[in-house]
PDB file of N, CA and C in Angstrom:
ATOM      1  N   GLN A   1     -25.456   5.907   1.921  1.00  0.00           N
ATOM      2  CA  GLN A   1     -24.492   6.288   0.545  1.00  0.00           C
ATOM      3  C   GLN A   1     -23.373   7.152   0.430  1.00  0.00           C
ATOM      4  N   VAL A   2     -22.382   7.201  -0.876  1.00  0.00           N
ATOM      5  CA  VAL A   2     -21.370   7.925  -0.581  1.00  0.00           C
ATOM      6  C   VAL A   2     -21.068   8.368  -2.166  1.00  0.00           C
ATOM      7  N   GLN A   3     -20.564   9.706  -2.299  1.00  0.00           N
ATOM      8  CA  GLN A   3     -20.318   9.838  -3.690  1.00  0.00           C
ATOM      9  C   GLN A   3     -19.094  10.406  -3.433  1.00  0.00           C
ATOM     10  N   LEU A   4     -18.017   9.977  -4.882  1.00  0.00           N
ATOM     11  CA  LEU A   4     -16.509  10.342  -4.403  1.00  0.00           C
ATOM     12  C   LEU A   4     -16.773  11.136  -6.411  1.00  0.00           C
ATOM     13  N   VAL A   5     -15.613  11.914  -5.754  1.00  0.00           N
ATOM     14  CA  VAL A   5     -15.009  13.106  -7.195  1.00  0.00           C
ATOM     15  C   VAL A   5     -13.710  12.936  -6.958  1.00  0.00           C
ATOM     16  N   GLU A   6     -13.029  12.540  -8.070  1.00  0.00           N
ATOM     17  CA  GLU A   6     -11.244  12.026  -8.459  1.00  0.00           C
ATOM     18  C   GLU A   6     -11.142  13.720  -9.121  1.00  0.00           C
ATOM     19  N   SER A   7      -9.518  13.624  -8.359  1.00  0.00           N
ATOM     20  CA  SER A   7      -9.210  15.132  -9.054  1.00  0.00           C
ATOM     21  C   SER A   7      -7.708  14.853  -9.059  1.00  0.00           C
ATOM     22  N   GLY A   8      -7.216  15.740  -9.470  1.00  0.00           N
ATOM     23  CA  GLY A   8      -5.748  16.052  -9.954  1.00  0.00           C
ATOM     24  C   GLY A   8      -4.702  14.720 -10.909  1.00  0.00           C
ATOM     25  N   GLY A   9      -6.065  14.336 -12.455  1.00  0.00           N
ATOM     26  CA  GLY A   9      -5.038  13.729 -13.393  1.00  0.00           C
ATOM     27  C   GLY A   9      -4.898  15.067 -14.154  1.00  0.00           C
ATOM     28  N   GLY A  10      -3.505  14.257 -14.905  1.00  0.00           N
ATOM     29  CA  GLY A  10      -3.509  15.432 -16.094  1.00  0.00           C
ATOM     30  C   GLY A  10      -2.580  14.390 -16.628  1.00  0.00           C
ATOM     31  N   LEU A  11      -1.543  15.739 -17.593  1.00  0.00           N
ATOM     32  CA  LEU A  11      -0.534  14.752 -19.013  1.00  0.00           C
ATOM     33  C   LEU A  11       1.134  15.439 -17.610  1.00  0.00           C
ATOM     34  N   VAL A  12       1.735  14.143 -17.812  1.00  0.00           N
ATOM     35  CA  VAL A  12       3.141  14.523 -17.276  1.00  0.00           C
ATOM     36  C   VAL A  12       4.410  13.721 -18.095  1.00  0.00           C
ATOM     37  N   GLN A  13       5.557  13.778 -17.948  1.00  0.00           N
ATOM     38  CA  GLN A  13       6.161  13.777 -18.737  1.00  0.00           C
ATOM     39  C   GLN A  13       7.054  12.404 -17.555  1.00  0.00           C
ATOM     40  N   ALA A  14       7.257  10.849 -18.059  1.00  0.00           N
ATOM     41  CA  ALA A  14       7.630  10.392 -17.832  1.00  0.00           C
ATOM     42  C   ALA A  14       8.869  10.334 -16.059  1.00  0.00           C
ATOM     43  N   GLY A  15       9.091   9.662 -15.463  1.00  0.00           N
ATOM     44  CA  GLY A  15       9.813  10.129 -14.119  1.00  0.00           C
ATOM     45  C   GLY A  15       8.985  10.597 -13.334  1.00  0.00           C
ATOM     46  N   GLY A  16       7.917  11.541 -13.730  1.00  0.00           N
ATOM     47  CA  GLY A  16       7.533  13.021 -13.200  1.00  0.00           C
ATOM     48  C   GLY A  16       6.638  12.437 -11.836  1.00  0.00           C
ATOM     49  N   SER A  17       5.735  12.913 -11.317  1.00  0.00           N
ATOM     50  CA  SER A  17       4.792  12.812 -10.163  1.00  0.00           C
ATOM     51  C   SER A  17       3.343  13.428 -10.365  1.00  0.00           C
ATOM     52  N   LEU A  18       2.506  12.983 -10.152  1.00  0.00           N
ATOM     53  CA  LEU A  18       1.211  13.454  -9.917  1.00  0.00           C
ATOM     54  C   LEU A  18       0.496  13.025  -8.679  1.00  0.00           C
ATOM     55  N   ARG A  19      -0.818  14.037  -7.972  1.00  0.00           N
ATOM     56  CA  ARG A  19      -1.000  13.816  -6.865  1.00  0.00           C
ATOM     57  C   ARG A  19      -2.843  13.232  -7.531  1.00  0.00           C
ATOM     58  N   LEU A  20      -3.329  11.997  -7.067  1.00  0.00           N
ATOM     59  CA  LEU A  20      -4.640  12.136  -6.923  1.00  0.00           C
ATOM     60  C   LEU A  20      -5.406  12.160  -5.953  1.00  0.00           C
ATOM     61  N   SER A  21      -6.809  13.352  -5.817  1.00  0.00           N
ATOM     62  CA  SER A  21      -7.039  12.969  -4.759  1.00  0.00           C
ATOM     63  C   SER A  21      -8.747  12.741  -4.850  1.00  0.00           C
ATOM     64  N   CYS A  22      -9.495  12.480  -3.878  1.00  0.00           N
ATOM     65  CA  CYS A  22     -10.960  11.341  -4.524  1.00  0.00           C
ATOM     66  C   CYS A  22     -11.381  12.048  -2.871  1.00  0.00           C
ATOM     67  N   ALA A  23     -12.236  13.558  -3.266  1.00  0.00           N
ATOM     68  CA  ALA A  23     -13.138  13.515  -2.099  1.00  0.00           C
ATOM     69  C   ALA A  23     -14.461  12.817  -2.259  1.00  0.00           C
ATOM     70  N   THR A  24     -14.865  12.419  -0.338  1.00  0.00           N
ATOM     71  CA  THR A  24     -16.046  12.067  -0.064  1.00  0.00           C
ATOM     72  C   THR A  24     -17.064  12.262   0.320  1.00  0.00           C
ATOM     73  N   SER A  25     -18.534  12.588  -0.022  1.00  0.00           N
ATOM     74  CA  SER A  25     -19.887  12.764   0.879  1.00  0.00           C
ATOM     75  C   SER A  25     -20.622  12.110   0.792  1.00  0.00           C
ATOM     76  N   GLY A  26     -21.321  12.296   1.288  1.00  0.00           N
ATOM     77  CA  GLY A  26     -22.731  11.667   1.901  1.00  0.00           C
ATOM     78  C   GLY A  26     -22.739  11.295   3.249  1.00  0.00           C
ATOM     79  N   ARG A  27     -21.231  10.923   3.574  1.00  0.00           N
ATOM     80  CA  ARG A  27     -21.105   9.644   4.807  1.00  0.00           C
ATOM     81  C   ARG A  27     -19.558   9.628   5.062  1.00  0.00           C
ATOM     82  N   THR A  28     -19.404   9.601   5.916  1.00  0.00           N
ATOM     83  CA  THR A  28     -17.757   9.903   6.458  1.00  0.00           C
ATOM     84  C   THR A  28     -17.169   8.642   6.096  1.00  0.00           C
ATOM     85  N   SER A  29     -16.096   9.098   5.189  1.00  0.00           N
ATOM     86  CA  SER A  29     -15.242   8.309   4.680  1.00  0.00           C
ATOM     87  C   SER A  29     -14.912   7.213   5.460  1.00  0.00           C
ATOM     88  N   SER A  30     -14.764   7.415   6.655  1.00  0.00           N
ATOM     89  CA  SER A  30     -13.844   6.330   7.083  1.00  0.00           C
ATOM     90  C   SER A  30     -14.694   5.118   7.954  1.00  0.00           C
ATOM     91  N   ARG A  31     -16.191   5.562   7.417  1.00  0.00           N
ATOM     92  CA  ARG A  31     -16.943   4.222   7.828  1.00  0.00           C
ATOM     93  C   ARG A  31     -17.074   2.998   6.569  1.00  0.00           C
ATOM     94  N   TYR A  32     -15.560   3.700   5.532  1.00  0.00           N
ATOM     95  CA  TYR A  32     -15.339   2.440   4.299  1.00  0.00           C
ATOM     96  C   TYR A  32     -13.472   2.591   3.867  1.00  0.00           C
ATOM     97  N   VAL A  33     -13.383   1.155   3.386  1.00  0.00           N
ATOM     98  CA  VAL A  33     -12.411   0.794   2.514  1.00  0.00           C
ATOM     99  C   VAL A  33     -12.005   1.480   1.517  1.00  0.00           C
ATOM    100  N   MET A  34     -11.576   2.098   1.322  1.00  0.00           N
ATOM    101  CA  MET A  34     -11.222   2.864   0.597  1.00  0.00           C
ATOM    102  C   MET A  34      -9.976   2.128  -1.136  1.00  0.00           C
ATOM    103  N   GLY A  35      -9.543   2.238  -2.508  1.00  0.00           N
ATOM    104  CA  GLY A  35      -9.092   1.574  -3.135  1.00  0.00           C
ATOM    105  C   GLY A  35      -8.901   2.653  -4.340  1.00  0.00           C
ATOM    106  N   TRP A  36      -8.454   2.181  -4.845  1.00  0.00           N
ATOM    107  CA  TRP A  36      -8.281   3.390  -6.313  1.00  0.00           C
ATOM    108  C   TRP A  36      -7.979   2.074  -7.265  1.00  0.00           C
ATOM    109  N   PHE A  37      -8.158   2.279  -8.369  1.00  0.00           N
ATOM    110  CA  PHE A  37      -8.321   1.136  -9.611  1.00  0.00           C
ATOM    111  C   PHE A  37      -8.125   1.707 -11.148  1.00  0.00           C
ATOM    112  N   ARG A  38      -7.408   1.371 -12.294  1.00  0.00           N
ATOM    113  CA  ARG A  38      -7.343   2.475 -12.966  1.00  0.00           C
ATOM    114  C   ARG A  38      -7.541   1.050 -14.647  1.00  0.00           C
ATOM    115  N   GLN A  39      -8.165   1.922 -15.362  1.00  0.00           N
ATOM    116  CA  GLN A  39      -7.865   0.890 -17.194  1.00  0.00           C
ATOM    117  C   GLN A  39      -8.078   2.194 -17.674  1.00  0.00           C
ATOM    118  N   ALA A  40      -6.707   1.146 -18.245  1.00  0.00           N
ATOM    119  CA  ALA A  40      -5.665   1.790 -20.139  1.00  0.00           C
ATOM    120  C   ALA A  40      -7.263   1.423 -20.881  1.00  0.00           C
ATOM    121  N   PRO A  41      -7.172   2.111 -22.265  1.00  0.00           N
ATOM    122  CA  PRO A  41      -7.445   1.677 -23.299  1.00  0.00           C
ATOM    123  C   PRO A  41      -7.556   0.335 -23.903  1.00  0.00           C
ATOM    124  N   ARG A  42      -8.453  -0.356 -24.160  1.00  0.00           N
ATOM    125  CA  ARG A  42      -8.316  -1.663 -24.530  1.00  0.00           C
ATOM    126  C   ARG A  42      -8.305  -2.868 -23.215  1.00  0.00           C
ATOM    127  N   LYS A  43      -8.112  -2.465 -21.745  1.00  0.00           N
ATOM    128  CA  LYS A  43      -7.512  -3.203 -21.123  1.00  0.00           C
ATOM    129  C   LYS A  43      -8.575  -2.915 -20.049  1.00  0.00           C
ATOM    130  N   GLU A  44      -8.502  -4.084 -19.230  1.00  0.00           N
ATOM    131  CA  GLU A  44     -10.134  -4.748 -18.188  1.00  0.00           C
ATOM    132  C   GLU A  44      -9.194  -3.970 -16.648  1.00  0.00           C
ATOM    133  N   ARG A  45     -10.093  -3.196 -16.243  1.00  0.00           N
ATOM    134  CA  ARG A  45      -9.794  -2.344 -15.195  1.00  0.00           C
ATOM    135  C   ARG A  45      -8.683  -3.476 -14.013  1.00  0.00           C
ATOM    136  N   GLU A  46      -8.096  -2.721 -13.424  1.00  0.00           N
ATOM    137  CA  GLU A  46      -7.274  -3.367 -13.013  1.00  0.00           C
ATOM    138  C   GLU A  46      -6.792  -3.107 -11.134  1.00  0.00           C
ATOM    139  N   PHE A  47      -6.564  -3.196  -9.530  1.00  0.00           N
ATOM    140  CA  PHE A  47      -5.844  -2.769  -9.108  1.00  0.00           C
ATOM    141  C   PHE A  47      -4.806  -1.997  -8.465  1.00  0.00           C
ATOM    142  N   VAL A  48      -5.270  -1.024  -8.037  1.00  0.00           N
ATOM    143  CA  VAL A  48      -3.924  -0.111  -7.641  1.00  0.00           C
ATOM    144  C   VAL A  48      -3.449  -0.264  -6.584  1.00  0.00           C
ATOM    145  N   ALA A  49      -4.335   0.576  -5.727  1.00  0.00           N
ATOM    146  CA  ALA A  49      -4.123   0.161  -4.292  1.00  0.00           C
ATOM    147  C   ALA A  49      -5.173   0.283  -3.608  1.00  0.00           C
ATOM    148  N   ALA A  50      -4.821   0.311  -1.632  1.00  0.00           N
ATOM    149  CA  ALA A  50      -6.622  -0.175  -1.175  1.00  0.00           C
ATOM    150  C   ALA A  50      -5.859   0.291   0.651  1.00  0.00           C
ATOM    151  N   ILE A  51      -6.743   0.995   0.694  1.00  0.00           N
ATOM    152  CA  ILE A  51      -6.284   1.220   2.284  1.00  0.00           C
ATOM    153  C   ILE A  51      -7.372   0.998   3.028  1.00  0.00           C
ATOM    154  N   SER A  52      -7.228   0.492   4.331  1.00  0.00           N
ATOM    155  CA  SER A  52      -7.998   0.148   5.219  1.00  0.00           C
ATOM    156  C   SER A  52      -8.938   1.157   5.991  1.00  0.00           C
ATOM    157  N   ARG A  53      -9.596   1.457   7.177  1.00  0.00           N
ATOM    158  CA  ARG A  53     -10.432   2.045   7.471  1.00  0.00           C
ATOM    159  C   ARG A  53      -9.655   3.243   7.514  1.00  0.00           C
ATOM    160  N   SER A  54      -8.811   3.115   9.289  1.00  0.00           N
ATOM    161  CA  SER A  54      -8.105   3.402  10.004  1.00  0.00           C
ATOM    162  C   SER A  54      -7.163   3.716   8.928  1.00  0.00           C
ATOM    163  N   GLY A  55      -6.670   3.487   8.192  1.00  0.00           N
ATOM    164  CA  GLY A  55      -5.028   3.644   7.397  1.00  0.00           C
ATOM    165  C   GLY A  55      -4.042   3.028   7.424  1.00  0.00           C
ATOM    166  N   GLY A  56      -4.559   2.415   9.091  1.00  0.00           N
ATOM    167  CA  GLY A  56      -3.238   1.523   9.126  1.00  0.00           C
ATOM    168  C   GLY A  56      -2.664   0.226   8.352  1.00  0.00           C
ATOM    169  N   ASN A  57      -3.604   0.057   7.727  1.00  0.00           N
ATOM    170  CA  ASN A  57      -3.372  -1.511   6.125  1.00  0.00           C
ATOM    171  C   ASN A  57      -3.390  -0.388   4.909  1.00  0.00           C
ATOM    172  N   THR A  58      -2.208  -0.854   3.854  1.00  0.00           N
ATOM    173  CA  THR A  58      -2.074  -0.240   2.867  1.00  0.00           C
ATOM    174  C   THR A  58      -1.406  -2.154   2.237  1.00  0.00           C
ATOM    175  N   ALA A  59      -2.058  -1.693   0.355  1.00  0.00           N
ATOM    176  CA  ALA A  59      -1.860  -3.013  -0.502  1.00  0.00           C
ATOM    177  C   ALA A  59      -1.606  -2.543  -1.673  1.00  0.00           C
ATOM    178  N   TYR A  60      -0.717  -2.583  -2.617  1.00  0.00           N
ATOM    179  CA  TYR A  60      -0.592  -2.690  -3.953  1.00  0.00           C
ATOM    180  C   TYR A  60       0.066  -3.206  -4.936  1.00  0.00           C
ATOM    181  N   ALA A  61      -0.628  -2.795  -5.803  1.00  0.00           N
ATOM    182  CA  ALA A  61      -0.435  -3.586  -6.590  1.00  0.00           C
ATOM    183  C   ALA A  61       1.120  -3.617  -7.121  1.00  0.00           C
ATOM    184  N   ASP A  62       1.646  -4.952  -7.499  1.00  0.00           N
ATOM    185  CA  ASP A  62       3.059  -4.988  -7.665  1.00  0.00           C
ATOM    186  C   ASP A  62       3.743  -4.346  -9.031  1.00  0.00           C
ATOM    187  N   SER A  63       2.921  -3.849 -10.125  1.00  0.00           N
ATOM    188  CA  SER A  63       3.242  -2.546 -10.473  1.00  0.00           C
ATOM    189  C   SER A  63       3.599  -1.533 -10.242  1.00  0.00           C
ATOM    190  N   VAL A  64       2.979  -1.150  -9.222  1.00  0.00           N
ATOM    191  CA  VAL A  64       3.427   0.252  -8.687  1.00  0.00           C
ATOM    192  C   VAL A  64       3.774   0.472  -6.923  1.00  0.00           C
ATOM    193  N   LYS A  65       4.293  -0.832  -7.019  1.00  0.00           N
ATOM    194  CA  LYS A  65       4.587  -0.634  -5.228  1.00  0.00           C
ATOM    195  C   LYS A  65       5.952  -0.441  -5.082  1.00  0.00           C
ATOM    196  N   GLY A  66       6.028   0.163  -4.233  1.00  0.00           N
ATOM    197  CA  GLY A  66       7.421   1.184  -4.219  1.00  0.00           C
ATOM    198  C   GLY A  66       7.685   2.805  -5.013  1.00  0.00           C
ATOM    199  N   ARG A  67       6.642   3.156  -5.745  1.00  0.00           N
ATOM    200  CA  ARG A  67       6.398   4.828  -6.705  1.00  0.00           C
ATOM    201  C   ARG A  67       5.035   5.006  -6.068  1.00  0.00           C
ATOM    202  N   PHE A  68       3.551   4.361  -5.406  1.00  0.00           N
ATOM    203  CA  PHE A  68       2.653   4.657  -5.886  1.00  0.00           C
ATOM    204  C   PHE A  68       2.762   4.921  -4.289  1.00  0.00           C
ATOM    205  N   THR A  69       2.128   5.294  -3.224  1.00  0.00           N
ATOM    206  CA  THR A  69       1.360   5.516  -2.038  1.00  0.00           C
ATOM    207  C   THR A  69       0.014   5.791  -1.537  1.00  0.00           C
ATOM    208  N   ILE A  70      -0.677   5.344  -0.855  1.00  0.00           N
ATOM    209  CA  ILE A  70      -1.738   5.504  -1.275  1.00  0.00           C
ATOM    210  C   ILE A  70      -2.169   6.354   0.633  1.00  0.00           C
ATOM    211  N   SER A  71      -3.292   6.830   0.781  1.00  0.00           N
ATOM    212  CA  SER A  71      -2.931   7.577   2.131  1.00  0.00           C
ATOM    213  C   SER A  71      -4.547   8.406   2.604  1.00  0.00           C
ATOM    214  N   ARG A  72      -5.061   8.678   3.750  1.00  0.00           N
ATOM    215  CA  ARG A  72      -6.286   9.346   4.202  1.00  0.00           C
ATOM    216  C   ARG A  72      -6.569   9.846   4.686  1.00  0.00           C
ATOM    217  N   ASP A  73      -6.672  11.189   5.372  1.00  0.00           N
ATOM    218  CA  ASP A  73      -7.799  12.161   5.855  1.00  0.00           C
ATOM    219  C   ASP A  73      -9.149  11.763   6.329  1.00  0.00           C
ATOM    220  N   ASN A  74      -9.181  11.074   7.003  1.00  0.00           N
ATOM    221  CA  ASN A  74     -10.563  11.021   7.611  1.00  0.00           C
ATOM    222  C   ASN A  74     -11.284  12.095   8.503  1.00  0.00           C
ATOM    223  N   ALA A  75     -10.497  13.490   8.272  1.00  0.00           N
ATOM    224  CA  ALA A  75     -11.022  14.479   8.480  1.00  0.00           C
ATOM    225  C   ALA A  75     -11.357  15.243   7.834  1.00  0.00           C
ATOM    226  N   LYS A  76     -10.753  14.584   6.804  1.00  0.00           N
ATOM    227  CA  LYS A  76     -11.349  15.765   5.650  1.00  0.00           C
ATOM    228  C   LYS A  76     -12.208  14.845   4.523  1.00  0.00           C
ATOM    229  N   ASN A  77     -12.202  13.612   5.328  1.00  0.00           N
ATOM    230  CA  ASN A  77     -13.397  12.793   4.139  1.00  0.00           C
ATOM    231  C   ASN A  77     -12.205  12.444   2.841  1.00  0.00           C
ATOM    232  N   THR A  78     -10.970  12.574   2.719  1.00  0.00           N
ATOM    233  CA  THR A  78     -10.211  13.091   1.280  1.00  0.00           C
ATOM    234  C   THR A  78      -9.623  11.356   1.264  1.00  0.00           C
ATOM    235  N   ILE A  79      -8.979  10.778   0.146  1.00  0.00           N
ATOM    236  CA  ILE A  79      -8.448   9.290  -0.106  1.00  0.00           C
ATOM    237  C   ILE A  79      -7.107   9.746  -1.168  1.00  0.00           C
ATOM    238  N   TYR A  80      -6.176   9.995  -0.522  1.00  0.00           N
ATOM    239  CA  TYR A  80      -5.007  10.676  -1.894  1.00  0.00           C
ATOM    240  C   TYR A  80      -4.153   9.650  -3.135  1.00  0.00           C
ATOM    241  N   LEU A  81      -3.785   9.702  -3.974  1.00  0.00           N
ATOM    242  CA  LEU A  81      -2.787   8.684  -3.865  1.00  0.00           C
ATOM    243  C   LEU A  81      -1.509   9.441  -4.638  1.00  0.00           C
ATOM    244  N   GLN A  82      -0.080   9.235  -4.504  1.00  0.00           N
ATOM    245  CA  GLN A  82       0.802   9.618  -4.989  1.00  0.00           C
ATOM    246  C   GLN A  82       1.581   9.085  -5.375  1.00  0.00           C
ATOM    247  N   MET A  83       1.926   9.479  -6.864  1.00  0.00           N
ATOM    248  CA  MET A  83       2.576   8.216  -7.945  1.00  0.00           C
ATOM    249  C   MET A  83       3.843   9.248  -8.433  1.00  0.00           C
ATOM    250  N   ASN A  84       4.522   8.364  -7.803  1.00  0.00           N
ATOM    251  CA  ASN A  84       6.327   9.226  -8.355  1.00  0.00           C
ATOM    252  C   ASN A  84       6.202   7.900  -9.453  1.00  0.00           C
ATOM    253  N   SER A  85       7.629   8.603  -9.629  1.00  0.00           N
ATOM    254  CA  SER A  85       8.530   7.452 -10.880  1.00  0.00           C
ATOM    255  C   SER A  85       7.373   7.507 -12.068  1.00  0.00           C
ATOM    256  N   LEU A  86       6.806   8.747 -12.691  1.00  0.00           N
ATOM    257  CA  LEU A  86       5.560   7.498 -13.318  1.00  0.00           C
ATOM    258  C   LEU A  86       6.669   7.608 -14.608  1.00  0.00           C
ATOM    259  N   LYS A  87       5.381   5.865 -15.001  1.00  0.00           N
ATOM    260  CA  LYS A  87       6.083   5.142 -16.372  1.00  0.00           C
ATOM    261  C   LYS A  87       4.360   5.448 -17.455  1.00  0.00           C
ATOM    262  N   PRO A  88       4.961   5.548 -18.805  1.00  0.00           N
ATOM    263  CA  PRO A  88       4.201   5.772 -19.909  1.00  0.00           C
ATOM    264  C   PRO A  88       3.205   4.825 -19.524  1.00  0.00           C
ATOM    265  N   GLU A  89       3.358   3.003 -19.270  1.00  0.00           N
ATOM    266  CA  GLU A  89       2.475   2.705 -18.948  1.00  0.00           C
ATOM    267  C   GLU A  89       1.582   2.611 -17.836  1.00  0.00           C
ATOM    268  N   ASP A  90       1.597   3.340 -16.632  1.00  0.00           N
ATOM    269  CA  ASP A  90       0.818   3.923 -16.063  1.00  0.00           C
ATOM    270  C   ASP A  90      -0.114   4.679 -17.048  1.00  0.00           C
ATOM    271  N   THR A  91      -0.246   4.946 -17.944  1.00  0.00           N
ATOM    272  CA  THR A  91      -1.408   5.585 -18.271  1.00  0.00           C
ATOM    273  C   THR A  91      -2.568   4.807 -18.338  1.00  0.00           C
ATOM    274  N   ALA A  92      -3.712   5.549 -17.802  1.00  0.00           N
ATOM    275  CA  ALA A  92      -5.148   5.244 -17.695  1.00  0.00           C
ATOM    276  C   ALA A  92      -5.624   5.755 -17.190  1.00  0.00           C
ATOM    277  N   VAL A  93      -6.992   5.533 -17.224  1.00  0.00           N
ATOM    278  CA  VAL A  93      -8.090   6.509 -16.430  1.00  0.00           C
ATOM    279  C   VAL A  93      -8.259   5.849 -15.034  1.00  0.00           C
ATOM    280  N   TYR A  94      -8.307   6.994 -13.865  1.00  0.00           N
ATOM    281  CA  TYR A  94      -7.812   5.965 -12.357  1.00  0.00           C
ATOM    282  C   TYR A  94      -9.040   6.250 -11.828  1.00  0.00           C
ATOM    283  N   TYR A  95      -9.746   5.444 -11.066  1.00  0.00           N
ATOM    284  CA  TYR A  95     -11.241   5.130 -10.399  1.00  0.00           C
ATOM    285  C   TYR A  95     -10.385   5.199  -8.701  1.00  0.00           C
ATOM    286  N   CYS A  96     -11.610   6.373  -8.169  1.00  0.00           N
ATOM    287  CA  CYS A  96     -11.434   6.274  -6.279  1.00  0.00           C
ATOM    288  C   CYS A  96     -13.126   5.364  -6.574  1.00  0.00           C
ATOM    289  N   ALA A  97     -12.773   4.066  -5.246  1.00  0.00           N
ATOM    290  CA  ALA A  97     -13.336   3.167  -4.960  1.00  0.00           C
ATOM    291  C   ALA A  97     -14.142   3.167  -3.501  1.00  0.00           C
ATOM    292  N   ALA A  98     -15.367   3.282  -3.050  1.00  0.00           N
ATOM    293  CA  ALA A  98     -15.485   2.772  -1.727  1.00  0.00           C
ATOM    294  C   ALA A  98     -16.358   1.395  -1.743  1.00  0.00           C
ATOM    295  N   GLY A  99     -16.038   0.800   0.036  1.00  0.00           N
ATOM    296  CA  GLY A  99     -16.967  -0.036   0.255  1.00  0.00           C
ATOM    297  C   GLY A  99     -16.567  -1.048   1.184  1.00  0.00           C
ATOM    298  N   ILE A 100     -18.219  -1.298   2.058  1.00  0.00           N
ATOM    299  CA  ILE A 100     -17.723  -1.446   3.262  1.00  0.00           C
ATOM    300  C   ILE A 100     -17.694  -2.708   3.534  1.00  0.00           C
ATOM    301  N   GLN A 101     -17.182  -3.538   2.814  1.00  0.00           N
ATOM    302  CA  GLN A 101     -16.898  -4.858   3.326  1.00  0.00           C
ATOM    303  C   GLN A 101     -15.251  -4.768   3.306  1.00  0.00           C
ATOM    304  N   LEU A 102     -15.147  -6.223   4.393  1.00  0.00           N
ATOM    305  CA  LEU A 102     -13.730  -5.695   4.263  1.00  0.00           C
ATOM    306  C   LEU A 102     -12.743  -5.456   3.736  1.00  0.00           C
ATOM    307  N   PHE A 103     -11.423  -5.787   4.290  1.00  0.00           N
ATOM    308  CA  PHE A 103     -10.265  -4.456   3.223  1.00  0.00           C
ATOM    309  C   PHE A 103     -10.229  -5.765   2.184  1.00  0.00           C
ATOM    310  N   ALA A 104      -9.851  -5.050   0.736  1.00  0.00           N
ATOM    311  CA  ALA A 104     -10.623  -6.519  -0.187  1.00  0.00           C
ATOM    312  C   ALA A 104      -9.259  -5.449  -1.480  1.00  0.00           C
ATOM    313  N   LEU A 105      -8.855  -6.424  -2.293  1.00  0.00           N
ATOM    314  CA  LEU A 105      -8.313  -5.973  -3.388  1.00  0.00           C
ATOM    315  C   LEU A 105      -9.107  -6.329  -4.977  1.00  0.00           C
ATOM    316  N   ASP A 106     -10.369  -6.724  -4.536  1.00  0.00           N
ATOM    317  CA  ASP A 106     -11.259  -7.351  -6.119  1.00  0.00           C
ATOM    318  C   ASP A 106     -11.808  -5.392  -6.164  1.00  0.00           C
ATOM    319  N   GLY A 107     -11.763  -4.971  -7.445  1.00  0.00           N
ATOM    320  CA  GLY A 107     -13.192  -4.450  -7.377  1.00  0.00           C
ATOM    321  C   GLY A 107     -14.989  -4.282  -7.490  1.00  0.00           C
ATOM    322  N   ASP A 108     -14.743  -6.037  -7.467  1.00  0.00           N
ATOM    323  CA  ASP A 108     -16.310  -5.787  -7.106  1.00  0.00           C
ATOM    324  C   ASP A 108     -17.454  -6.204  -5.839  1.00  0.00           C
ATOM    325  N   LYS A 109     -15.638  -5.566  -5.157  1.00  0.00           N
ATOM    326  CA  LYS A 109     -16.145  -4.941  -3.340  1.00  0.00           C
ATOM    327  C   LYS A 109     -16.261  -4.740  -3.047  1.00  0.00           C
ATOM    328  N   TYR A 110     -15.739  -3.856  -3.736  1.00  0.00           N
ATOM    329  CA  TYR A 110     -16.306  -2.445  -4.510  1.00  0.00           C
ATOM    330  C   TYR A 110     -17.996  -1.906  -4.599  1.00  0.00           C
ATOM    331  N   ASP A 111     -18.832  -0.684  -3.345  1.00  0.00           N
ATOM    332  CA  ASP A 111     -19.739  -0.479  -3.502  1.00  0.00           C
ATOM    333  C   ASP A 111     -20.221   0.832  -4.236  1.00  0.00           C
ATOM    334  N   TYR A 112     -19.418   1.750  -4.418  1.00  0.00           N
ATOM    335  CA  TYR A 112     -18.869   3.322  -4.796  1.00  0.00           C
ATOM    336  C   TYR A 112     -18.113   3.202  -5.351  1.00  0.00           C
ATOM    337  N   TRP A 113     -18.052   4.205  -6.328  1.00  0.00           N
ATOM    338  CA  TRP A 113     -17.055   4.532  -7.577  1.00  0.00           C
ATOM    339  C   TRP A 113     -17.315   6.450  -8.286  1.00  0.00           C
ATOM    340  N   GLY A 114     -16.341   6.188  -8.387  1.00  0.00           N
ATOM    341  CA  GLY A 114     -15.966   8.182  -9.021  1.00  0.00           C
ATOM    342  C   GLY A 114     -16.473   7.729 -10.399  1.00  0.00           C
ATOM    343  N   GLN A 115     -16.037   9.256 -10.653  1.00  0.00           N
ATOM    344  CA  GLN A 115     -16.353   9.056 -12.468  1.00  0.00           C
ATOM    345  C   GLN A 115     -14.686   8.931 -12.793  1.00  0.00           C
ATOM    346  N   GLY A 116     -13.514   8.567 -12.063  1.00  0.00           N
ATOM    347  CA  GLY A 116     -12.273   8.403 -12.811  1.00  0.00           C
ATOM    348  C   GLY A 116     -11.594  10.247 -13.534  1.00  0.00           C
ATOM    349  N   THR A 117     -10.597   9.913 -13.414  1.00  0.00           N
ATOM    350  CA  THR A 117     -10.173  11.137 -13.871  1.00  0.00           C
ATOM    351  C   THR A 117      -8.405  10.402 -14.635  1.00  0.00           C
ATOM    352  N   GLN A 118      -7.923  10.943 -15.696  1.00  0.00           N
ATOM    353  CA  GLN A 118      -6.934  10.866 -16.318  1.00  0.00           C
ATOM    354  C   GLN A 118      -5.824  11.016 -16.623  1.00  0.00           C
ATOM    355  N   VAL A 119      -5.199   9.881 -15.563  1.00  0.00           N
ATOM    356  CA  VAL A 119      -3.530  10.275 -16.052  1.00  0.00           C
ATOM    357  C   VAL A 119      -2.689   9.716 -16.993  1.00  0.00           C
ATOM    358  N   THR A 120      -1.855  10.769 -18.105  1.00  0.00           N
ATOM    359  CA  THR A 120      -1.292  10.559 -18.917  1.00  0.00           C
ATOM    360  C   THR A 120       0.276  10.615 -18.935  1.00  0.00           C
ATOM    361  N   VAL A 121       0.929   9.595 -19.325  1.00  0.00           N
ATOM    362  CA  VAL A 121       2.570   9.427 -19.140  1.00  0.00           C
ATOM    363  C   VAL A 121       3.168   9.713 -20.361  1.00  0.00           C
ATOM    364  N   SER A 122       3.525  10.974 -20.489  1.00  0.00           N
ATOM    365  CA  SER A 122       4.589  10.630 -22.262  1.00  0.00           C
ATOM    366  C   SER A 122       5.914  10.689 -21.912  1.00  0.00           C
ATOM    367  N   LEU A 123       6.066   9.939 -22.972  1.00  0.00           N
ATOM    368  CA  LEU A 123       8.217   9.214 -22.990  1.00  0.00           C
ATOM    369  C   LEU A 123       8.564  11.175 -22.596  1.00  0.00           C
TER     370      LEU A 123
END
């Protein structure tokens, strides 16, 4: 089993940047495909980005492509989400997830979830 703890959320003005981190413990993070998801108030959870075990493959939602970058440091058991050019519509609780499945964009395929970190983007 693996535990996930997100950090780095906060309040930022539109156009600004934030970097989220997800620290894993319990088992080596390199065993898992990792993903970031988000959920805004009154909306369903949506996929943001995913990264393969080695970090060689990544995928992004169209809404964040070119603005967000997912990365991982397996030596530190940490996954990152660099968010640039933030928009008010990026406001949501961001969740880190780990899965033992093949590379997937579907949140139902992930096995472990963090508690989430709030990102608020103001005008």
